[in-house]
């Protein structure tokens, strides 16, 4: 029986979490998207995403078989602050996370970065450029985000499977390296 590996896909409202999971999942993804209604006016900030008409209200779920011994389960978090209470439960047992960032509104990803840094959960940042190529390099984004933990930053377009896979591979490599550092004996012992 393969080992189950769990990761989260997090980030701000409308950054592409559902799209990423849909692009790489080998099974039809579970999506809990609902149409936005008048009730969300004044609650959900549509600045930067005026064309958005649906939102994730619980989570997204997808699966990728990595090899005969490992299956990766992806859980997409809802992006709005009013749903953040679910993140701790979703994060239980996770190997790491992908934090998606929109280069037009990087500050929307800061809460996700803080969440994973505070809990010492390894993460990679995927800068989703499906609105057009970013004017920023991965290094400039890393500097702007002031990352306190070693986290790879990958420029991507989550509509494309190969691009999304590159972000997932960066996360898995980073999580593996962080686990190795934690397990290595401290100097002087």
Protein backbone atom coordinates (compact mmCIF):
# COMPACT_ATOMS: atom_id res chain seq x y z
CA UNK A 1 0.00 0.00 0.00
CA UNK A 2 1.45 3.41 -0.96
CA UNK A 3 2.38 6.00 1.64
CA UNK A 4 -0.02 8.94 1.70
CA UNK A 5 1.56 12.40 1.60
CA UNK A 6 -0.65 15.39 2.36
CA UNK A 7 -0.04 18.97 1.27
CA UNK A 8 -2.06 22.17 1.35
CA UNK A 9 -2.51 24.65 -1.45
CA UNK A 10 -3.10 28.05 0.13
CA UNK A 11 -3.03 31.72 -0.80
CA UNK A 12 -5.19 34.76 -1.14
CA UNK A 13 -8.65 35.05 -2.61
CA UNK A 14 -8.77 34.30 -6.34
CA UNK A 15 -5.10 33.41 -6.74
CA UNK A 16 -5.64 30.07 -8.54
CA UNK A 17 -5.74 27.37 -5.84
CA UNK A 18 -8.71 25.52 -7.37
CA UNK A 19 -7.18 25.87 -10.83
CA UNK A 20 -3.85 24.42 -9.69
CA UNK A 21 -5.41 21.36 -8.10
CA UNK A 22 -7.61 20.83 -11.17
CA UNK A 23 -4.61 21.05 -13.50
CA UNK A 24 -2.59 18.31 -11.79
CA UNK A 25 -5.08 15.94 -10.17
CA UNK A 26 -5.28 12.50 -11.76
CA UNK A 27 -8.84 12.10 -10.44
CA UNK A 28 -11.72 14.51 -10.95
CA UNK A 29 -11.03 17.05 -8.20
CA UNK A 30 -13.48 17.73 -5.42
CA UNK A 31 -14.34 21.42 -5.60
CA UNK A 32 -16.60 23.26 -3.17
CA UNK A 33 -17.01 26.37 -5.28
CA UNK A 34 -20.22 28.33 -4.94
CA UNK A 35 -21.44 31.35 -6.84
CA UNK A 36 -20.82 34.61 -5.09
CA UNK A 37 -24.00 36.43 -4.15
CA UNK A 38 -25.02 39.88 -3.02
CA UNK A 39 -24.30 38.70 0.56
CA UNK A 40 -20.56 38.73 -0.20
CA UNK A 41 -20.55 42.40 -1.23
CA UNK A 42 -18.48 44.33 1.26
CA UNK A 43 -17.18 41.05 2.75
CA UNK A 44 -15.09 39.65 -0.12
CA UNK A 45 -12.67 42.08 -1.73
CA UNK A 46 -12.89 41.66 -5.50
CA UNK A 47 -10.15 44.23 -6.18
CA UNK A 48 -7.76 42.61 -8.63
CA UNK A 49 -10.25 39.82 -9.45
CA UNK A 50 -13.34 41.58 -10.86
CA UNK A 51 -14.13 38.66 -13.20
CA UNK A 52 -14.37 36.16 -10.31
CA UNK A 53 -17.88 34.75 -9.89
CA UNK A 54 -17.32 31.69 -7.65
CA UNK A 55 -15.41 31.03 -4.45
CA UNK A 56 -14.25 27.99 -2.49
CA UNK A 57 -16.36 27.65 0.64
CA UNK A 58 -14.75 24.57 2.23
CA UNK A 59 -11.81 23.02 0.41
CA UNK A 60 -10.63 21.54 -2.86
CA UNK A 61 -9.15 18.06 -3.09
CA UNK A 62 -7.05 16.26 -5.67
CA UNK A 63 -4.65 13.32 -5.89
CA UNK A 64 -1.44 12.49 -7.74
CA UNK A 65 0.33 9.13 -7.71
CA UNK A 66 4.03 9.98 -7.48
CA UNK A 67 5.31 6.42 -7.81
CA UNK A 68 4.36 2.91 -6.63
CA UNK A 69 5.16 3.86 -3.04
CA UNK A 70 3.79 7.41 -2.70
CA UNK A 71 0.48 9.18 -3.33
CA UNK A 72 0.18 12.94 -2.90
CA UNK A 73 -3.13 14.29 -1.59
CA UNK A 74 -3.71 18.00 -2.17
CA UNK A 75 -6.11 20.04 -0.05
CA UNK A 76 -6.92 23.55 -1.26
CA UNK A 77 -7.79 26.06 1.44
CA UNK A 78 -10.40 28.77 1.05
CA UNK A 79 -8.77 32.17 0.54
CA UNK A 80 -11.06 34.54 2.42
CA UNK A 81 -10.28 35.50 5.99
CA UNK A 82 -13.74 34.43 7.14
CA UNK A 83 -12.83 30.80 6.33
CA UNK A 84 -9.35 30.76 7.94
CA UNK A 85 -10.70 28.96 11.01
CA UNK A 86 -10.53 25.74 8.93
CA UNK A 87 -6.83 26.01 8.13
CA UNK A 88 -5.54 24.47 11.38
CA UNK A 89 -7.66 21.37 10.82
CA UNK A 90 -6.66 21.12 7.18
CA UNK A 91 -2.98 21.48 8.10
CA UNK A 92 -2.97 18.54 10.54
CA UNK A 93 -0.60 15.87 9.26
CA UNK A 94 0.54 17.85 6.24
CA UNK A 95 4.01 17.42 4.82
CA UNK A 96 4.04 20.99 3.57
CA UNK A 97 2.19 23.59 1.57
CA UNK A 98 2.19 25.56 -1.64
CA UNK A 99 1.49 29.25 -1.12
CA UNK A 100 0.19 30.70 -4.37
CA UNK A 101 0.87 34.38 -4.91
CA UNK A 102 -0.49 36.79 -7.49
CA UNK A 103 2.35 39.09 -8.58
CA UNK A 104 -0.19 41.94 -8.92
CA UNK A 105 -1.16 41.63 -5.23
CA UNK A 106 1.67 39.95 -3.33
CA UNK A 107 0.40 41.22 0.02
CA UNK A 108 -2.60 38.89 -0.28
CA UNK A 109 -0.23 35.93 0.25
CA UNK A 110 1.43 37.28 3.41
CA UNK A 111 -1.16 35.74 5.78
CA UNK A 112 -0.56 32.30 4.25
CA UNK A 113 3.21 32.67 4.58
CA UNK A 114 2.81 33.75 8.23
CA UNK A 115 0.52 30.77 8.94
CA UNK A 116 3.08 28.21 7.69
CA UNK A 117 6.12 29.98 9.14
CA UNK A 118 4.51 30.18 12.61
CA UNK A 119 3.70 26.45 12.52
CA UNK A 120 7.07 25.52 11.00
CA UNK A 121 5.37 23.79 8.08
CA UNK A 122 7.62 23.68 4.98
CA UNK A 123 6.24 25.57 2.00
CA UNK A 124 7.07 26.70 -1.50
CA UNK A 125 5.76 29.89 -3.10
CA UNK A 126 4.23 29.58 -6.55
CA UNK A 127 3.97 32.99 -8.24
CA UNK A 128 0.99 32.48 -10.52
CA UNK A 129 1.55 34.50 -13.68
CA UNK A 130 -1.45 33.40 -15.72
CA UNK A 131 -2.47 37.04 -16.15
CA UNK A 132 0.76 37.60 -18.01
CA UNK A 133 4.42 37.31 -17.23
CA UNK A 134 5.40 38.97 -13.98
CA UNK A 135 7.66 42.01 -14.00
CA UNK A 136 9.41 40.45 -10.98
CA UNK A 137 11.97 37.66 -10.79
CA UNK A 138 11.68 34.84 -8.27
CA UNK A 139 14.49 36.45 -6.24
CA UNK A 140 12.70 39.82 -6.19
CA UNK A 141 9.50 38.14 -5.00
CA UNK A 142 11.42 36.28 -2.28
CA UNK A 143 12.93 39.57 -1.10
CA UNK A 144 9.58 41.39 -1.22
CA UNK A 145 7.93 38.64 0.83
CA UNK A 146 10.72 38.77 3.45
CA UNK A 147 10.62 34.99 3.93
CA UNK A 148 12.02 33.92 7.31
CA UNK A 149 12.28 30.24 6.40
CA UNK A 150 14.00 28.70 3.39
CA UNK A 151 11.21 28.48 0.86
CA UNK A 152 11.67 28.11 -2.88
CA UNK A 153 9.90 30.62 -5.11
CA UNK A 154 8.76 29.29 -8.49
CA UNK A 155 7.25 31.37 -11.29
CA UNK A 156 4.32 29.40 -12.74
CA UNK A 157 1.05 29.35 -14.64
CA UNK A 158 -1.23 27.01 -12.69
CA UNK A 159 -3.52 26.44 -15.68
CA UNK A 160 -0.79 24.17 -17.06
CA UNK A 161 -0.08 20.78 -15.52
CA UNK A 162 3.68 20.91 -16.10
CA UNK A 163 3.99 24.33 -14.51
CA UNK A 164 1.97 23.27 -11.45
CA UNK A 165 4.06 20.12 -11.14
CA UNK A 166 7.24 22.23 -10.97
CA UNK A 167 5.86 24.04 -7.91
CA UNK A 168 4.91 20.72 -6.27
CA UNK A 169 8.37 19.27 -6.96
CA UNK A 170 10.01 22.36 -5.44
CA UNK A 171 7.87 21.89 -2.32
CA UNK A 172 8.71 18.19 -2.01
CA UNK A 173 12.46 18.84 -2.43
CA UNK A 174 12.34 21.66 0.13
CA UNK A 175 10.36 19.58 2.65
CA UNK A 176 12.82 16.70 2.21
CA UNK A 177 15.80 19.02 2.77
CA UNK A 178 14.21 20.58 5.88
CA UNK A 179 13.44 17.13 7.31
CA UNK A 180 17.05 16.06 6.73
CA UNK A 181 18.33 19.17 8.55
CA UNK A 182 16.05 18.47 11.52
CA UNK A 183 17.23 14.87 11.72
CA UNK A 184 20.95 15.57 11.36
CA UNK A 185 22.90 15.66 14.62
CA UNK A 186 23.89 19.08 15.92
CA UNK A 187 27.58 19.94 15.76
CA UNK A 188 29.42 19.19 18.97
CA UNK A 189 27.61 15.95 19.82
